[in-house]
């Protein structure tokens, strides 16, 4: 039997409404507190991938630390409707550096 995890998207409605057209489950949140509650609920359920807007994830540092150490669910920051503030890409860069040992994505000198 093949087990497939669900994919959920958390954020303000304007930023995530389009994801429902792709078949993803959307969970609108009006603030970071609600987003955190939804994140906990989805993470303890059948959701293997959870997209969350950068602005909300940035306001939930404890949640980010909690789920970063776990294999699933994968918590992936996405830009909001107003655009990216760079938080998501800096997070990806950090994880690649940890895994590989150097900055292979941007190859910047420190």
C-alpha atoms as a PDB file:
ATOM      1  CA  UNK A   1       0.000   0.000   0.000  1.00  0.00           C
ATOM      2  CA  UNK A   2       1.284   3.441  -0.912  1.00  0.00           C
ATOM      3  CA  UNK A   3       0.978   6.087   1.756  1.00  0.00           C
ATOM      4  CA  UNK A   4       0.825   9.668   0.556  1.00  0.00           C
ATOM      5  CA  UNK A   5       1.147  12.623   2.880  1.00  0.00           C
ATOM      6  CA  UNK A   6      -1.041  15.649   2.509  1.00  0.00           C
ATOM      7  CA  UNK A   7       0.284  19.074   1.576  1.00  0.00           C
ATOM      8  CA  UNK A   8      -0.981  22.136   3.420  1.00  0.00           C
ATOM      9  CA  UNK A   9      -0.471  25.858   2.982  1.00  0.00           C
ATOM     10  CA  UNK A  10      -0.744  28.388   5.833  1.00  0.00           C
ATOM     11  CA  UNK A  11      -0.819  32.144   5.420  1.00  0.00           C
ATOM     12  CA  UNK A  12      -3.015  35.146   4.836  1.00  0.00           C
ATOM     13  CA  UNK A  13      -5.836  34.355   2.425  1.00  0.00           C
ATOM     14  CA  UNK A  14      -4.606  36.574  -0.419  1.00  0.00           C
ATOM     15  CA  UNK A  15      -1.224  34.840  -0.383  1.00  0.00           C
ATOM     16  CA  UNK A  16      -2.459  31.247  -0.351  1.00  0.00           C
ATOM     17  CA  UNK A  17      -5.838  31.130  -2.135  1.00  0.00           C
ATOM     18  CA  UNK A  18      -4.273  30.141  -5.466  1.00  0.00           C
ATOM     19  CA  UNK A  19      -2.784  26.978  -3.987  1.00  0.00           C
ATOM     20  CA  UNK A  20      -6.238  25.425  -3.711  1.00  0.00           C
ATOM     21  CA  UNK A  21      -6.399  25.344  -7.529  1.00  0.00           C
ATOM     22  CA  UNK A  22      -3.374  23.041  -7.395  1.00  0.00           C
ATOM     23  CA  UNK A  23      -5.187  20.655  -5.067  1.00  0.00           C
ATOM     24  CA  UNK A  24      -3.387  21.717  -1.906  1.00  0.00           C
ATOM     25  CA  UNK A  25      -5.243  22.215   1.367  1.00  0.00           C
ATOM     26  CA  UNK A  26      -5.199  25.888   2.347  1.00  0.00           C
ATOM     27  CA  UNK A  27      -5.483  27.210   5.889  1.00  0.00           C
ATOM     28  CA  UNK A  28      -5.949  30.974   6.054  1.00  0.00           C
ATOM     29  CA  UNK A  29      -4.617  32.643   9.203  1.00  0.00           C
ATOM     30  CA  UNK A  30      -5.260  36.189  10.298  1.00  0.00           C
ATOM     31  CA  UNK A  31      -2.167  36.448  12.507  1.00  0.00           C
ATOM     32  CA  UNK A  32       0.976  34.611  13.587  1.00  0.00           C
ATOM     33  CA  UNK A  33      -0.706  33.117  16.648  1.00  0.00           C
ATOM     34  CA  UNK A  34      -3.387  31.455  14.524  1.00  0.00           C
ATOM     35  CA  UNK A  35      -0.733  30.363  12.025  1.00  0.00           C
ATOM     36  CA  UNK A  36       1.215  28.711  14.864  1.00  0.00           C
ATOM     37  CA  UNK A  37      -1.860  26.841  16.063  1.00  0.00           C
ATOM     38  CA  UNK A  38      -2.582  25.658  12.518  1.00  0.00           C
ATOM     39  CA  UNK A  39       1.038  24.594  12.070  1.00  0.00           C
ATOM     40  CA  UNK A  40       0.897  22.437  15.207  1.00  0.00           C
ATOM     41  CA  UNK A  41      -2.411  20.907  14.118  1.00  0.00           C
ATOM     42  CA  UNK A  42      -1.187  20.045  10.613  1.00  0.00           C
ATOM     43  CA  UNK A  43       2.194  18.786  11.825  1.00  0.00           C
ATOM     44  CA  UNK A  44       0.540  16.355  14.216  1.00  0.00           C
ATOM     45  CA  UNK A  45      -1.740  15.082  11.444  1.00  0.00           C
ATOM     46  CA  UNK A  46      -1.166  13.554   8.023  1.00  0.00           C
ATOM     47  CA  UNK A  47       0.658  16.530   6.514  1.00  0.00           C
ATOM     48  CA  UNK A  48       4.139  15.733   5.222  1.00  0.00           C
ATOM     49  CA  UNK A  49       4.738  19.122   3.614  1.00  0.00           C
ATOM     50  CA  UNK A  50       3.540  22.410   5.037  1.00  0.00           C
ATOM     51  CA  UNK A  51       4.094  25.652   3.174  1.00  0.00           C
ATOM     52  CA  UNK A  52       3.828  28.769   5.335  1.00  0.00           C
ATOM     53  CA  UNK A  53       4.307  32.399   4.409  1.00  0.00           C
ATOM     54  CA  UNK A  54       7.696  33.828   5.347  1.00  0.00           C
ATOM     55  CA  UNK A  55       6.156  36.594   7.419  1.00  0.00           C
ATOM     56  CA  UNK A  56       4.342  34.129   9.696  1.00  0.00           C
ATOM     57  CA  UNK A  57       7.203  31.646   9.982  1.00  0.00           C
ATOM     58  CA  UNK A  58       9.579  34.457  10.897  1.00  0.00           C
ATOM     59  CA  UNK A  59       7.280  35.291  13.842  1.00  0.00           C
ATOM     60  CA  UNK A  60       7.327  31.637  15.012  1.00  0.00           C
ATOM     61  CA  UNK A  61      11.010  30.951  15.791  1.00  0.00           C
ATOM     62  CA  UNK A  62      10.180  28.218  18.324  1.00  0.00           C
ATOM     63  CA  UNK A  63       8.127  26.324  15.771  1.00  0.00           C
ATOM     64  CA  UNK A  64      10.853  26.655  13.170  1.00  0.00           C
ATOM     65  CA  UNK A  65      13.419  25.167  15.566  1.00  0.00           C
ATOM     66  CA  UNK A  66      11.064  22.351  16.600  1.00  0.00           C
ATOM     67  CA  UNK A  67      10.338  21.167  13.071  1.00  0.00           C
ATOM     68  CA  UNK A  68      13.814  21.818  11.634  1.00  0.00           C
ATOM     69  CA  UNK A  69      15.133  18.858  13.623  1.00  0.00           C
ATOM     70  CA  UNK A  70      12.447  16.482  12.327  1.00  0.00           C
ATOM     71  CA  UNK A  71      12.277  14.593   9.043  1.00  0.00           C
ATOM     72  CA  UNK A  72       8.586  15.291   8.598  1.00  0.00           C
ATOM     73  CA  UNK A  73       6.765  17.463   8.158  1.00  0.00           C
ATOM     74  CA  UNK A  74       8.884  19.621   5.889  1.00  0.00           C
ATOM     75  CA  UNK A  75       8.135  23.243   6.739  1.00  0.00           C
ATOM     76  CA  UNK A  76       8.775  25.385   3.671  1.00  0.00           C
ATOM     77  CA  UNK A  77       8.571  29.188   3.731  1.00  0.00           C
ATOM     78  CA  UNK A  78       6.919  30.885   0.762  1.00  0.00           C
ATOM     79  CA  UNK A  79       6.625  34.570  -0.126  1.00  0.00           C
ATOM     80  CA  UNK A  80       3.406  36.360   0.712  1.00  0.00           C
ATOM     81  CA  UNK A  81       1.305  38.263  -1.816  1.00  0.00           C
ATOM     82  CA  UNK A  82       3.355  41.369  -1.001  1.00  0.00           C
ATOM     83  CA  UNK A  83       6.603  39.633  -2.001  1.00  0.00           C
ATOM     84  CA  UNK A  84       9.600  38.005  -0.389  1.00  0.00           C
ATOM     85  CA  UNK A  85      11.647  39.547   2.376  1.00  0.00           C
ATOM     86  CA  UNK A  86      14.536  37.112   1.847  1.00  0.00           C
ATOM     87  CA  UNK A  87      13.789  35.000   4.919  1.00  0.00           C
ATOM     88  CA  UNK A  88      12.954  31.838   2.982  1.00  0.00           C
ATOM     89  CA  UNK A  89      15.997  31.876   0.722  1.00  0.00           C
ATOM     90  CA  UNK A  90      18.335  32.620   3.646  1.00  0.00           C
ATOM     91  CA  UNK A  91      16.867  29.592   5.436  1.00  0.00           C
ATOM     92  CA  UNK A  92      17.468  27.339   2.405  1.00  0.00           C
ATOM     93  CA  UNK A  93      21.008  28.692   2.095  1.00  0.00           C
ATOM     94  CA  UNK A  94      21.684  27.931   5.766  1.00  0.00           C
ATOM     95  CA  UNK A  95      20.444  24.331   5.450  1.00  0.00           C
ATOM     96  CA  UNK A  96      22.501  23.716   2.311  1.00  0.00           C
ATOM     97  CA  UNK A  97      25.593  25.069   4.069  1.00  0.00           C
ATOM     98  CA  UNK A  98      24.945  22.738   7.014  1.00  0.00           C
ATOM     99  CA  UNK A  99      24.469  19.723   4.755  1.00  0.00           C
ATOM    100  CA  UNK A 100      27.311  20.358   2.320  1.00  0.00           C
ATOM    101  CA  UNK A 101      29.726  22.361   4.423  1.00  0.00           C
ATOM    102  CA  UNK A 102      29.939  25.388   2.150  1.00  0.00           C
ATOM    103  CA  UNK A 103      27.815  27.867   0.234  1.00  0.00           C
ATOM    104  CA  UNK A 104      27.295  26.102  -3.098  1.00  0.00           C
ATOM    105  CA  UNK A 105      24.163  28.051  -3.993  1.00  0.00           C
ATOM    106  CA  UNK A 106      25.362  31.668  -3.869  1.00  0.00           C
ATOM    107  CA  UNK A 107      29.102  31.060  -3.552  1.00  0.00           C
ATOM    108  CA  UNK A 108      29.577  34.306  -1.630  1.00  0.00           C
ATOM    109  CA  UNK A 109      32.808  35.205   0.096  1.00  0.00           C
ATOM    110  CA  UNK A 110      32.485  35.989   3.806  1.00  0.00           C
END
